[in-house]
Amino acid sequence: MKLFFKLLILSAIISQPSLAKEYNIEYNIKIKGLEIGSLFWHLELDLNKYTTEIKLNDHGIFSGLYKFRGKYKAAGKIKNSFLLPKEYNQIWETKSKKKVVEIIFEKNKISKLTLYPEETEVARINYYKLINYTDPFTSFLNILINNLPSKTIDGRRTYILSPTNSSKKNKILIKNYKNIWADHKRNDLEYIEIHKKNEFSLFPFKIKIKFKNIVFELTKN
């Protein structure tokens, strides 16, 4: 039955005659009911490849408290309904800092990881030996399609995104969290919760993210 649903979702995503599908989705971002920004999600899926791009921007009367801008992009191939990344790029900016992450994947392993500013600490994990890890957004998409745990690397941490089994409300737990560049075990990301209208939906109508004890609520426009 799960295989049937998976194939049904994929056939809806990748449909004739173009053999490709493009999505543009926007979410409002709120904290305790107060709007602080928006998220724009662009996704292109073809028979054997994908590209996804996320843009985050602050806005609203309370945005001055949470100044931020982010851009994330992942691209790769699709094999047996699983998304396998080839590259991942991340730019995150606030009032006081700018961070850039670039990861190149080859043969299900990390072949290059670049950080800006450059990390001065010694890596506690040999990330070049990690196998079958994907970037955060590829992991999230794989969970939306397959509802299976996904090993994840974001350039500074490794962890497993582990979904619970539910067709409409699915809490994704953060497991085996490890900091690459530090000895401490602090886990700022506690969980992600996705709400779907039904099990045939690809995109959640609501996403809740608990990060540093703050719950960010994303609601689809």
N, C-alpha and C. Protein backbone atom coordinates (compact mmCIF):
# COMPACT_ATOMS: atom_id res chain seq x y z
N MET A 1 0.82 -1.20 0.00
CA MET A 1 0.00 0.00 0.00
C MET A 1 0.86 1.26 0.00
N LYS A 2 1.94 1.27 0.81
CA LYS A 2 2.82 2.43 0.83
C LYS A 2 3.46 2.66 -0.53
N LEU A 3 3.84 1.57 -1.19
CA LEU A 3 4.44 1.69 -2.51
C LEU A 3 3.43 2.28 -3.48
N PHE A 4 2.19 1.88 -3.36
CA PHE A 4 1.14 2.41 -4.23
C PHE A 4 0.99 3.92 -4.04
N PHE A 5 0.95 4.38 -2.78
CA PHE A 5 0.83 5.80 -2.51
C PHE A 5 2.04 6.56 -3.04
N LYS A 6 3.24 5.98 -2.86
CA LYS A 6 4.47 6.61 -3.33
C LYS A 6 4.43 6.80 -4.85
N LEU A 7 4.03 5.76 -5.54
CA LEU A 7 3.96 5.84 -7.00
C LEU A 7 2.88 6.81 -7.44
N LEU A 8 1.80 6.88 -6.68
CA LEU A 8 0.72 7.79 -7.03
C LEU A 8 1.19 9.24 -6.90
N ILE A 9 1.91 9.54 -5.83
CA ILE A 9 2.44 10.89 -5.63
C ILE A 9 3.43 11.24 -6.73
N LEU A 10 4.33 10.31 -7.02
CA LEU A 10 5.34 10.58 -8.05
C LEU A 10 4.71 10.74 -9.42
N SER A 11 3.69 9.95 -9.72
CA SER A 11 3.05 10.08 -11.03
C SER A 11 2.31 11.40 -11.14
N ALA A 12 1.81 11.90 -10.02
CA ALA A 12 1.14 13.20 -10.03
C ALA A 12 2.15 14.33 -10.20
N ILE A 13 3.35 14.14 -9.61
CA ILE A 13 4.40 15.15 -9.71
C ILE A 13 4.98 15.18 -11.11
N ILE A 14 5.27 14.01 -11.65
CA ILE A 14 5.93 13.91 -12.95
C ILE A 14 4.90 13.42 -13.96
N SER A 15 4.24 14.31 -14.62
CA SER A 15 3.11 13.92 -15.47
C SER A 15 3.37 14.24 -16.93
N GLN A 16 2.70 13.53 -17.79
CA GLN A 16 2.73 13.79 -19.22
C GLN A 16 1.97 15.09 -19.49
N PRO A 17 2.24 15.82 -20.61
CA PRO A 17 3.20 15.41 -21.63
C PRO A 17 4.61 15.93 -21.41
N SER A 18 4.81 16.82 -20.46
CA SER A 18 6.11 17.48 -20.33
C SER A 18 7.13 16.63 -19.59
N LEU A 19 6.66 15.58 -18.88
CA LEU A 19 7.53 14.74 -18.07
C LEU A 19 8.27 15.54 -17.00
N ALA A 20 7.72 16.67 -16.60
CA ALA A 20 8.34 17.50 -15.57
C ALA A 20 7.25 18.31 -14.89
N LYS A 21 7.55 18.74 -13.67
CA LYS A 21 6.59 19.54 -12.93
C LYS A 21 7.32 20.60 -12.15
N GLU A 22 6.72 21.79 -12.10
CA GLU A 22 7.33 22.91 -11.39
C GLU A 22 6.32 23.45 -10.37
N TYR A 23 6.80 23.73 -9.16
CA TYR A 23 5.96 24.23 -8.08
C TYR A 23 6.55 25.51 -7.51
N ASN A 24 5.66 26.42 -7.15
CA ASN A 24 6.06 27.64 -6.43
C ASN A 24 5.08 27.80 -5.27
N ILE A 25 5.60 27.63 -4.06
CA ILE A 25 4.77 27.64 -2.85
C ILE A 25 5.29 28.72 -1.91
N GLU A 26 4.37 29.42 -1.24
CA GLU A 26 4.77 30.45 -0.28
C GLU A 26 4.14 30.18 1.08
N TYR A 27 4.93 30.38 2.13
CA TYR A 27 4.47 30.21 3.51
C TYR A 27 4.68 31.51 4.28
N ASN A 28 3.74 31.84 5.15
CA ASN A 28 3.94 32.90 6.14
C ASN A 28 4.61 32.32 7.37
N ILE A 29 5.52 33.06 7.97
CA ILE A 29 6.24 32.60 9.16
C ILE A 29 5.77 33.42 10.36
N LYS A 30 5.34 32.71 11.41
CA LYS A 30 4.85 33.38 12.62
C LYS A 30 5.51 32.80 13.86
N ILE A 31 5.62 33.63 14.88
CA ILE A 31 6.03 33.22 16.23
C ILE A 31 4.95 33.70 17.19
N LYS A 32 4.32 32.78 17.88
CA LYS A 32 3.24 33.10 18.82
C LYS A 32 2.17 33.97 18.17
N GLY A 33 1.85 33.65 16.91
CA GLY A 33 0.81 34.37 16.20
C GLY A 33 1.24 35.67 15.55
N LEU A 34 2.49 36.07 15.74
CA LEU A 34 2.99 37.32 15.17
C LEU A 34 3.79 37.02 13.90
N GLU A 35 3.41 37.66 12.81
CA GLU A 35 4.08 37.40 11.54
C GLU A 35 5.44 38.09 11.51
N ILE A 36 6.48 37.32 11.17
CA ILE A 36 7.83 37.89 11.13
C ILE A 36 8.50 37.75 9.77
N GLY A 37 7.91 36.98 8.85
CA GLY A 37 8.57 36.81 7.56
C GLY A 37 7.82 35.85 6.65
N SER A 38 8.47 35.50 5.55
CA SER A 38 7.87 34.60 4.57
C SER A 38 8.91 33.65 4.02
N LEU A 39 8.44 32.52 3.53
CA LEU A 39 9.29 31.52 2.91
C LEU A 39 8.73 31.22 1.53
N PHE A 40 9.58 31.33 0.51
CA PHE A 40 9.19 30.99 -0.86
C PHE A 40 9.93 29.73 -1.27
N TRP A 41 9.18 28.72 -1.71
CA TRP A 41 9.74 27.41 -2.03
C TRP A 41 9.49 27.11 -3.50
N HIS A 42 10.57 26.97 -4.24
CA HIS A 42 10.50 26.62 -5.66
C HIS A 42 11.02 25.19 -5.82
N LEU A 43 10.28 24.37 -6.54
CA LEU A 43 10.66 22.97 -6.72
C LEU A 43 10.42 22.55 -8.17
N GLU A 44 11.43 21.96 -8.78
CA GLU A 44 11.30 21.38 -10.12
C GLU A 44 11.66 19.90 -10.04
N LEU A 45 10.76 19.06 -10.54
CA LEU A 45 10.97 17.62 -10.55
C LEU A 45 10.82 17.09 -11.96
N ASP A 46 11.78 16.29 -12.38
CA ASP A 46 11.73 15.65 -13.69
C ASP A 46 11.80 14.14 -13.46
N LEU A 47 11.88 13.37 -14.52
CA LEU A 47 11.93 11.93 -14.38
C LEU A 47 13.13 11.46 -13.57
N ASN A 48 14.28 12.12 -13.74
CA ASN A 48 15.50 11.63 -13.07
C ASN A 48 16.32 12.73 -12.42
N LYS A 49 15.75 13.92 -12.24
CA LYS A 49 16.51 14.98 -11.59
C LYS A 49 15.56 15.95 -10.89
N TYR A 50 16.13 16.74 -9.98
CA TYR A 50 15.33 17.71 -9.23
C TYR A 50 16.18 18.93 -8.89
N THR A 51 15.51 20.04 -8.68
CA THR A 51 16.12 21.27 -8.17
C THR A 51 15.13 21.90 -7.21
N THR A 52 15.61 22.31 -6.05
CA THR A 52 14.74 23.01 -5.12
C THR A 52 15.46 24.22 -4.57
N GLU A 53 14.71 25.29 -4.40
CA GLU A 53 15.29 26.54 -3.89
C GLU A 53 14.35 27.14 -2.85
N ILE A 54 14.92 27.55 -1.75
CA ILE A 54 14.16 28.16 -0.66
C ILE A 54 14.68 29.58 -0.44
N LYS A 55 13.76 30.54 -0.32
CA LYS A 55 14.14 31.91 0.01
C LYS A 55 13.38 32.36 1.24
N LEU A 56 14.10 32.90 2.21
CA LEU A 56 13.51 33.40 3.45
C LEU A 56 13.74 34.90 3.55
N ASN A 57 12.69 35.64 3.94
CA ASN A 57 12.81 37.07 4.11
C ASN A 57 11.97 37.53 5.29
N ASP A 58 12.51 38.45 6.07
CA ASP A 58 11.74 39.01 7.17
C ASP A 58 10.79 40.08 6.63
N HIS A 59 9.64 40.23 7.28
CA HIS A 59 8.73 41.34 6.99
C HIS A 59 7.69 41.39 8.10
N GLY A 60 6.87 42.42 8.09
CA GLY A 60 5.86 42.59 9.13
C GLY A 60 6.33 43.58 10.17
N ILE A 61 5.41 44.04 11.00
CA ILE A 61 5.72 45.09 11.97
C ILE A 61 6.67 44.61 13.07
N PHE A 62 6.78 43.29 13.25
CA PHE A 62 7.68 42.75 14.26
C PHE A 62 8.97 42.21 13.67
N SER A 63 9.15 42.42 12.37
CA SER A 63 10.33 41.86 11.72
C SER A 63 11.63 42.50 12.21
N GLY A 64 11.54 43.71 12.77
CA GLY A 64 12.74 44.35 13.31
C GLY A 64 13.37 43.55 14.43
N LEU A 65 12.58 42.73 15.10
CA LEU A 65 13.11 41.89 16.18
C LEU A 65 13.81 40.66 15.62
N TYR A 66 13.46 40.27 14.41
CA TYR A 66 14.01 39.06 13.81
C TYR A 66 14.46 39.38 12.38
N LYS A 67 15.55 40.11 12.26
CA LYS A 67 16.08 40.46 10.94
C LYS A 67 16.82 39.26 10.35
N PHE A 68 16.37 38.80 9.20
CA PHE A 68 17.02 37.64 8.59
C PHE A 68 16.75 37.61 7.09
N ARG A 69 17.63 36.91 6.41
CA ARG A 69 17.47 36.63 4.98
C ARG A 69 18.22 35.35 4.68
N GLY A 70 17.58 34.44 3.99
CA GLY A 70 18.23 33.17 3.70
C GLY A 70 17.94 32.70 2.29
N LYS A 71 18.89 32.00 1.73
CA LYS A 71 18.71 31.40 0.40
C LYS A 71 19.36 30.04 0.41
N TYR A 72 18.61 29.03 0.02
CA TYR A 72 19.08 27.65 0.03
C TYR A 72 18.75 27.00 -1.30
N LYS A 73 19.68 26.23 -1.81
CA LYS A 73 19.44 25.57 -3.09
C LYS A 73 20.06 24.17 -3.07
N ALA A 74 19.32 23.20 -3.55
CA ALA A 74 19.81 21.82 -3.66
C ALA A 74 19.40 21.28 -5.02
N ALA A 75 20.27 20.45 -5.58
CA ALA A 75 19.98 19.84 -6.88
C ALA A 75 20.63 18.47 -6.93
N GLY A 76 19.99 17.57 -7.67
CA GLY A 76 20.53 16.22 -7.78
C GLY A 76 19.69 15.36 -8.70
N LYS A 77 19.76 14.06 -8.46
CA LYS A 77 19.05 13.12 -9.32
C LYS A 77 18.00 12.35 -8.51
N ILE A 78 17.08 11.73 -9.22
CA ILE A 78 16.03 10.91 -8.62
C ILE A 78 16.24 9.47 -9.05
N LYS A 79 16.29 8.57 -8.07
CA LYS A 79 16.48 7.16 -8.37
C LYS A 79 15.58 6.33 -7.46
N ASN A 80 14.71 5.55 -8.05
CA ASN A 80 13.79 4.69 -7.29
C ASN A 80 13.01 5.48 -6.25
N SER A 81 12.52 6.65 -6.65
CA SER A 81 11.70 7.56 -5.84
C SER A 81 12.47 8.30 -4.76
N PHE A 82 13.78 8.09 -4.67
CA PHE A 82 14.60 8.81 -3.69
C PHE A 82 15.40 9.91 -4.36
N LEU A 83 15.51 11.05 -3.69
CA LEU A 83 16.27 12.18 -4.19
C LEU A 83 17.70 12.09 -3.66
N LEU A 84 18.67 12.16 -4.56
CA LEU A 84 20.08 12.04 -4.20
C LEU A 84 20.78 13.33 -4.62
N PRO A 85 21.29 14.11 -3.66
CA PRO A 85 21.84 15.42 -3.99
C PRO A 85 23.20 15.35 -4.68
N LYS A 86 23.44 16.35 -5.52
CA LYS A 86 24.76 16.56 -6.11
C LYS A 86 25.41 17.81 -5.54
N GLU A 87 24.57 18.81 -5.22
CA GLU A 87 25.11 20.04 -4.66
C GLU A 87 24.10 20.70 -3.73
N TYR A 88 24.64 21.43 -2.76
CA TYR A 88 23.81 22.16 -1.81
C TYR A 88 24.50 23.48 -1.48
N ASN A 89 23.74 24.57 -1.54
CA ASN A 89 24.27 25.89 -1.23
C ASN A 89 23.36 26.60 -0.24
N GLN A 90 23.96 27.26 0.73
CA GLN A 90 23.19 27.95 1.76
C GLN A 90 23.82 29.31 2.06
N ILE A 91 23.00 30.35 2.08
CA ILE A 91 23.42 31.69 2.51
C ILE A 91 22.44 32.17 3.56
N TRP A 92 22.96 32.53 4.72
CA TRP A 92 22.11 32.99 5.83
C TRP A 92 22.66 34.32 6.35
N GLU A 93 21.80 35.33 6.41
CA GLU A 93 22.23 36.65 6.85
C GLU A 93 21.29 37.19 7.93
N THR A 94 21.89 37.80 8.96
CA THR A 94 21.15 38.54 9.98
C THR A 94 21.79 39.92 10.09
N LYS A 95 21.39 40.67 11.12
CA LYS A 95 21.96 42.01 11.31
C LYS A 95 23.48 41.96 11.47
N SER A 96 23.96 40.94 12.14
CA SER A 96 25.36 40.94 12.56
C SER A 96 26.24 39.91 11.87
N LYS A 97 25.66 39.01 11.08
CA LYS A 97 26.51 37.96 10.51
C LYS A 97 25.99 37.45 9.19
N LYS A 98 26.90 36.82 8.46
CA LYS A 98 26.57 36.16 7.20
C LYS A 98 27.30 34.84 7.17
N LYS A 99 26.57 33.75 6.90
CA LYS A 99 27.17 32.43 6.85
C LYS A 99 26.84 31.76 5.52
N VAL A 100 27.86 31.12 4.95
CA VAL A 100 27.70 30.44 3.67
C VAL A 100 28.17 29.00 3.81
N VAL A 101 27.40 28.08 3.27
CA VAL A 101 27.75 26.66 3.25
C VAL A 101 27.60 26.14 1.83
N GLU A 102 28.59 25.42 1.35
CA GLU A 102 28.51 24.76 0.06
C GLU A 102 28.98 23.31 0.21
N ILE A 103 28.16 22.38 -0.26
CA ILE A 103 28.50 20.96 -0.17
C ILE A 103 28.34 20.33 -1.56
N ILE A 104 29.34 19.56 -1.96
CA ILE A 104 29.28 18.78 -3.20
C ILE A 104 29.23 17.30 -2.84
N PHE A 105 28.30 16.59 -3.44
CA PHE A 105 28.13 15.16 -3.20
C PHE A 105 28.53 14.39 -4.46
N GLU A 106 29.25 13.30 -4.26
CA GLU A 106 29.60 12.40 -5.36
C GLU A 106 29.53 10.97 -4.87
N LYS A 107 28.83 10.13 -5.60
CA LYS A 107 28.72 8.71 -5.27
C LYS A 107 28.25 8.49 -3.83
N ASN A 108 27.22 9.25 -3.44
CA ASN A 108 26.59 9.14 -2.12
C ASN A 108 27.51 9.52 -0.96
N LYS A 109 28.55 10.30 -1.25
CA LYS A 109 29.46 10.78 -0.22
C LYS A 109 29.73 12.26 -0.44
N ILE A 110 30.24 12.92 0.60
CA ILE A 110 30.61 14.32 0.50
C ILE A 110 32.01 14.42 -0.10
N SER A 111 32.13 15.11 -1.22
CA SER A 111 33.44 15.27 -1.84
C SER A 111 34.05 16.63 -1.55
N LYS A 112 33.22 17.61 -1.16
CA LYS A 112 33.74 18.94 -0.85
C LYS A 112 32.78 19.66 0.08
N LEU A 113 33.32 20.31 1.10
CA LEU A 113 32.52 21.11 2.02
C LEU A 113 33.25 22.43 2.24
N THR A 114 32.58 23.54 1.92
CA THR A 114 33.17 24.87 2.06
C THR A 114 32.32 25.72 2.98
N LEU A 115 32.95 26.39 3.94
CA LEU A 115 32.24 27.26 4.88
C LEU A 115 32.80 28.67 4.82
N TYR A 116 31.92 29.64 4.96
CA TYR A 116 32.34 31.04 5.14
C TYR A 116 31.50 31.64 6.26
N PRO A 117 32.16 32.23 7.27
CA PRO A 117 33.61 32.31 7.44
C PRO A 117 34.22 30.91 7.64
N GLU A 118 35.48 30.79 7.32
CA GLU A 118 36.15 29.51 7.46
C GLU A 118 36.16 29.08 8.92
N GLU A 119 35.98 27.80 9.14
CA GLU A 119 35.96 27.26 10.50
C GLU A 119 37.39 27.12 11.02
N THR A 120 37.63 27.63 12.23
CA THR A 120 38.97 27.56 12.81
C THR A 120 39.17 26.31 13.66
N GLU A 121 38.06 25.67 14.04
CA GLU A 121 38.16 24.45 14.84
C GLU A 121 38.50 23.25 13.95
N VAL A 122 39.03 22.23 14.59
CA VAL A 122 39.29 20.96 13.89
C VAL A 122 38.00 20.15 13.86
N ALA A 123 37.71 19.57 12.73
CA ALA A 123 36.48 18.78 12.60
C ALA A 123 36.52 17.57 13.52
N ARG A 124 35.44 17.38 14.30
CA ARG A 124 35.34 16.22 15.19
C ARG A 124 34.83 15.00 14.46
N ILE A 125 34.34 15.18 13.24
CA ILE A 125 33.81 14.09 12.43
C ILE A 125 34.51 14.09 11.08
N ASN A 126 34.90 12.93 10.62
CA ASN A 126 35.46 12.83 9.27
C ASN A 126 34.29 12.73 8.30
N TYR A 127 33.79 13.89 7.87
CA TYR A 127 32.58 13.91 7.06
C TYR A 127 32.79 13.33 5.66
N TYR A 128 34.04 13.20 5.25
CA TYR A 128 34.30 12.59 3.95
C TYR A 128 34.01 11.09 3.95
N LYS A 129 33.91 10.50 5.14
CA LYS A 129 33.61 9.07 5.23
C LYS A 129 32.13 8.78 5.43
N LEU A 130 31.32 9.83 5.55
CA LEU A 130 29.89 9.62 5.71
C LEU A 130 29.29 9.11 4.41
N ILE A 131 28.39 8.15 4.53
CA ILE A 131 27.77 7.53 3.36
C ILE A 131 26.25 7.73 3.42
N ASN A 132 25.67 8.08 2.28
CA ASN A 132 24.22 8.23 2.12
C ASN A 132 23.64 9.35 2.98
N TYR A 133 24.41 10.41 3.19
CA TYR A 133 23.90 11.61 3.85
C TYR A 133 23.43 12.59 2.78
N THR A 134 22.39 13.33 3.11
CA THR A 134 21.87 14.34 2.18
C THR A 134 21.74 15.68 2.91
N ASP A 135 21.57 16.75 2.14
CA ASP A 135 21.37 18.07 2.73
C ASP A 135 20.00 18.16 3.37
N PRO A 136 19.74 19.17 4.21
CA PRO A 136 18.48 19.24 4.95
C PRO A 136 17.23 19.27 4.08
N PHE A 137 17.26 19.99 2.96
CA PHE A 137 16.06 20.13 2.15
C PHE A 137 15.80 18.90 1.29
N THR A 138 16.85 18.24 0.84
CA THR A 138 16.67 16.97 0.16
C THR A 138 16.12 15.93 1.13
N SER A 139 16.64 15.93 2.36
CA SER A 139 16.12 15.02 3.39
C SER A 139 14.64 15.26 3.63
N PHE A 140 14.27 16.54 3.74
CA PHE A 140 12.87 16.89 4.00
C PHE A 140 11.97 16.42 2.86
N LEU A 141 12.40 16.63 1.63
CA LEU A 141 11.62 16.18 0.48
C LEU A 141 11.50 14.65 0.46
N ASN A 142 12.59 13.96 0.78
CA ASN A 142 12.54 12.50 0.82
C ASN A 142 11.54 12.02 1.86
N ILE A 143 11.45 12.72 2.97
CA ILE A 143 10.48 12.33 4.00
C ILE A 143 9.06 12.59 3.51
N LEU A 144 8.84 13.72 2.82
CA LEU A 144 7.51 14.01 2.29
C LEU A 144 7.06 12.95 1.30
N ILE A 145 8.00 12.41 0.52
CA ILE A 145 7.66 11.42 -0.50
C ILE A 145 7.64 10.00 0.05
N ASN A 146 8.65 9.67 0.88
CA ASN A 146 8.83 8.28 1.30
C ASN A 146 8.51 8.00 2.76
N ASN A 147 8.48 9.07 3.59
CA ASN A 147 8.20 8.93 5.02
C ASN A 147 9.15 7.96 5.71
N LEU A 148 10.44 8.07 5.36
CA LEU A 148 11.47 7.22 5.97
C LEU A 148 12.57 8.10 6.57
N PRO A 149 13.28 7.62 7.60
CA PRO A 149 14.38 8.40 8.19
C PRO A 149 15.42 8.78 7.15
N SER A 150 16.03 9.95 7.34
CA SER A 150 17.00 10.43 6.37
C SER A 150 18.22 10.99 7.09
N LYS A 151 19.40 10.46 6.78
CA LYS A 151 20.65 10.94 7.35
C LYS A 151 21.00 12.28 6.71
N THR A 152 21.34 13.27 7.55
CA THR A 152 21.42 14.65 7.09
C THR A 152 22.71 15.32 7.54
N ILE A 153 23.27 16.17 6.65
CA ILE A 153 24.40 17.03 6.99
C ILE A 153 24.08 18.43 6.48
N ASP A 154 24.29 19.44 7.34
CA ASP A 154 24.03 20.82 6.92
C ASP A 154 25.30 21.67 6.86
N GLY A 155 26.45 21.03 6.99
CA GLY A 155 27.73 21.73 6.94
C GLY A 155 28.34 21.94 8.30
N ARG A 156 27.51 22.02 9.33
CA ARG A 156 28.00 22.23 10.69
C ARG A 156 27.57 21.13 11.65
N ARG A 157 26.56 20.36 11.23
CA ARG A 157 26.04 19.30 12.10
C ARG A 157 25.63 18.11 11.24
N THR A 158 25.59 16.95 11.86
CA THR A 158 24.98 15.78 11.25
C THR A 158 23.90 15.26 12.18
N TYR A 159 22.84 14.70 11.60
CA TYR A 159 21.74 14.17 12.40
C TYR A 159 20.87 13.32 11.51
N ILE A 160 19.92 12.66 12.12
CA ILE A 160 18.94 11.87 11.37
C ILE A 160 17.57 12.51 11.56
N LEU A 161 16.90 12.84 10.47
CA LEU A 161 15.52 13.27 10.53
C LEU A 161 14.65 12.02 10.51
N SER A 162 13.95 11.79 11.60
CA SER A 162 13.22 10.53 11.77
C SER A 162 11.72 10.81 11.92
N PRO A 163 10.92 10.53 10.89
CA PRO A 163 9.49 10.81 10.95
C PRO A 163 8.72 9.76 11.73
N THR A 164 7.65 10.21 12.38
CA THR A 164 6.70 9.29 12.99
C THR A 164 5.70 8.89 11.92
N ASN A 165 4.97 7.84 12.16
CA ASN A 165 4.06 7.31 11.14
C ASN A 165 2.66 7.90 11.29
N SER A 166 2.36 8.84 10.42
CA SER A 166 1.03 9.41 10.39
C SER A 166 0.79 10.00 9.01
N SER A 167 -0.42 9.88 8.49
CA SER A 167 -0.68 10.34 7.13
C SER A 167 -0.90 11.85 7.06
N LYS A 168 -1.43 12.46 8.16
CA LYS A 168 -1.76 13.88 8.11
C LYS A 168 -0.86 14.72 9.01
N LYS A 169 -0.60 14.27 10.23
CA LYS A 169 0.25 14.99 11.17
C LYS A 169 1.47 14.14 11.45
N ASN A 170 2.63 14.67 11.14
CA ASN A 170 3.85 13.88 11.20
C ASN A 170 4.93 14.67 11.91
N LYS A 171 5.33 14.23 13.09
CA LYS A 171 6.42 14.90 13.80
C LYS A 171 7.73 14.25 13.40
N ILE A 172 8.67 15.06 12.93
CA ILE A 172 9.99 14.58 12.53
C ILE A 172 10.96 14.84 13.68
N LEU A 173 11.46 13.79 14.28
CA LEU A 173 12.36 13.92 15.41
C LEU A 173 13.81 14.04 14.94
N ILE A 174 14.63 14.69 15.75
CA ILE A 174 16.04 14.87 15.44
C ILE A 174 16.84 13.87 16.27
N LYS A 175 17.50 12.93 15.61
CA LYS A 175 18.23 11.88 16.32
C LYS A 175 19.71 11.87 15.91
N ASN A 176 20.53 11.27 16.78
CA ASN A 176 21.98 11.13 16.52
C ASN A 176 22.62 12.46 16.13
N TYR A 177 22.25 13.53 16.82
CA TYR A 177 22.74 14.87 16.52
C TYR A 177 24.19 15.01 16.95
N LYS A 178 25.04 15.45 16.02
CA LYS A 178 26.46 15.64 16.32
C LYS A 178 26.95 16.94 15.70
N ASN A 179 27.69 17.72 16.48
CA ASN A 179 28.32 18.92 15.97
C ASN A 179 29.64 18.56 15.32
N ILE A 180 29.85 19.01 14.10
CA ILE A 180 31.09 18.68 13.39
C ILE A 180 32.27 19.44 13.97
N TRP A 181 32.05 20.69 14.36
CA TRP A 181 33.16 21.58 14.72
C TRP A 181 33.23 21.90 16.20
N ALA A 182 32.49 21.18 17.03
CA ALA A 182 32.50 21.44 18.48
C ALA A 182 32.30 20.15 19.25
N ASP A 183 32.73 20.17 20.52
CA ASP A 183 32.60 18.98 21.37
C ASP A 183 31.25 18.90 22.07
N HIS A 184 30.58 20.07 22.22
CA HIS A 184 29.33 20.06 22.98
C HIS A 184 28.23 19.35 22.19
N LYS A 185 27.21 18.92 22.91
CA LYS A 185 26.12 18.15 22.31
C LYS A 185 24.82 18.96 22.23
N ARG A 186 24.93 20.28 22.30
CA ARG A 186 23.73 21.11 22.25
C ARG A 186 23.00 20.94 20.92
N ASN A 187 21.72 20.73 21.01
CA ASN A 187 20.88 20.52 19.83
C ASN A 187 19.85 21.64 19.77
N ASP A 188 20.10 22.65 18.94
CA ASP A 188 19.17 23.78 18.85
C ASP A 188 17.88 23.39 18.14
N LEU A 189 17.96 22.47 17.19
CA LEU A 189 16.78 22.02 16.46
C LEU A 189 16.17 20.83 17.19
N GLU A 190 14.94 21.01 17.71
CA GLU A 190 14.32 19.97 18.52
C GLU A 190 13.40 19.06 17.70
N TYR A 191 12.57 19.64 16.86
CA TYR A 191 11.71 18.81 16.02
C TYR A 191 11.11 19.65 14.90
N ILE A 192 10.59 18.95 13.90
CA ILE A 192 9.81 19.55 12.82
C ILE A 192 8.48 18.81 12.77
N GLU A 193 7.39 19.56 12.67
CA GLU A 193 6.07 18.94 12.63
C GLU A 193 5.37 19.38 11.35
N ILE A 194 4.92 18.43 10.55
CA ILE A 194 4.25 18.76 9.30
C ILE A 194 2.79 18.32 9.35
N HIS A 195 1.93 19.15 8.78
CA HIS A 195 0.50 18.86 8.73
C HIS A 195 0.06 18.83 7.27
N LYS A 196 -0.51 17.71 6.84
CA LYS A 196 -1.01 17.57 5.48
C LYS A 196 -2.53 17.43 5.51
N LYS A 197 -3.15 17.87 4.43
CA LYS A 197 -4.61 17.71 4.34
C LYS A 197 -4.99 16.24 4.14
N ASN A 198 -4.12 15.51 3.43
CA ASN A 198 -4.33 14.07 3.25
C ASN A 198 -3.01 13.44 2.83
N GLU A 199 -2.99 12.13 2.76
CA GLU A 199 -1.74 11.42 2.48
C GLU A 199 -1.31 11.51 1.03
N PHE A 200 -2.17 12.07 0.17
CA PHE A 200 -1.79 12.25 -1.23
C PHE A 200 -1.12 13.60 -1.46
N SER A 201 -1.16 14.48 -0.47
CA SER A 201 -0.56 15.81 -0.61
C SER A 201 0.96 15.72 -0.53
N LEU A 202 1.63 16.46 -1.39
CA LEU A 202 3.09 16.54 -1.29
C LEU A 202 3.50 17.63 -0.32
N PHE A 203 2.91 18.80 -0.45
CA PHE A 203 3.31 19.94 0.37
C PHE A 203 2.42 20.07 1.60
N PRO A 204 3.02 20.21 2.78
CA PRO A 204 2.22 20.43 3.99
C PRO A 204 1.53 21.80 3.93
N PHE A 205 0.33 21.90 4.52
CA PHE A 205 -0.31 23.21 4.60
C PHE A 205 0.19 23.97 5.83
N LYS A 206 0.83 23.22 6.75
CA LYS A 206 1.40 23.88 7.94
C LYS A 206 2.66 23.12 8.38
N ILE A 207 3.67 23.88 8.76
CA ILE A 207 4.92 23.30 9.27
C ILE A 207 5.27 24.01 10.56
N LYS A 208 5.58 23.25 11.60
CA LYS A 208 6.04 23.83 12.87
C LYS A 208 7.47 23.37 13.13
N ILE A 209 8.32 24.31 13.47
CA ILE A 209 9.73 24.02 13.73
C ILE A 209 10.09 24.56 15.11
N LYS A 210 10.54 23.68 16.00
CA LYS A 210 10.99 24.14 17.31
C LYS A 210 12.50 24.26 17.28
N PHE A 211 12.98 25.50 17.39
CA PHE A 211 14.40 25.81 17.27
C PHE A 211 14.77 26.77 18.38
N LYS A 212 15.75 26.37 19.22
CA LYS A 212 16.19 27.18 20.37
C LYS A 212 15.01 27.56 21.25
N ASN A 213 14.15 26.57 21.52
CA ASN A 213 12.98 26.72 22.39
C ASN A 213 11.92 27.68 21.85
N ILE A 214 12.00 28.04 20.58
CA ILE A 214 11.02 28.87 19.94
C ILE A 214 10.32 28.05 18.86
N VAL A 215 8.98 28.11 18.81
CA VAL A 215 8.23 27.41 17.78
C VAL A 215 7.91 28.37 16.64
N PHE A 216 8.47 28.07 15.48
CA PHE A 216 8.18 28.83 14.27
C PHE A 216 7.07 28.11 13.51
N GLU A 217 6.01 28.83 13.18
CA GLU A 217 4.87 28.23 12.49
C GLU A 217 4.80 28.77 11.06
N LEU A 218 4.86 27.87 10.09
CA LEU A 218 4.78 28.22 8.68
C LEU A 218 3.44 27.77 8.15
N THR A 219 2.68 28.72 7.60
CA THR A 219 1.36 28.41 7.06
C THR A 219 1.32 28.73 5.58
N LYS A 220 0.85 27.76 4.79
CA LYS A 220 0.83 27.91 3.33
C LYS A 220 -0.21 28.93 2.91
N ASN A 221 0.18 29.82 1.99
CA ASN A 221 -0.77 30.81 1.44
C ASN A 221 -1.73 30.15 0.45
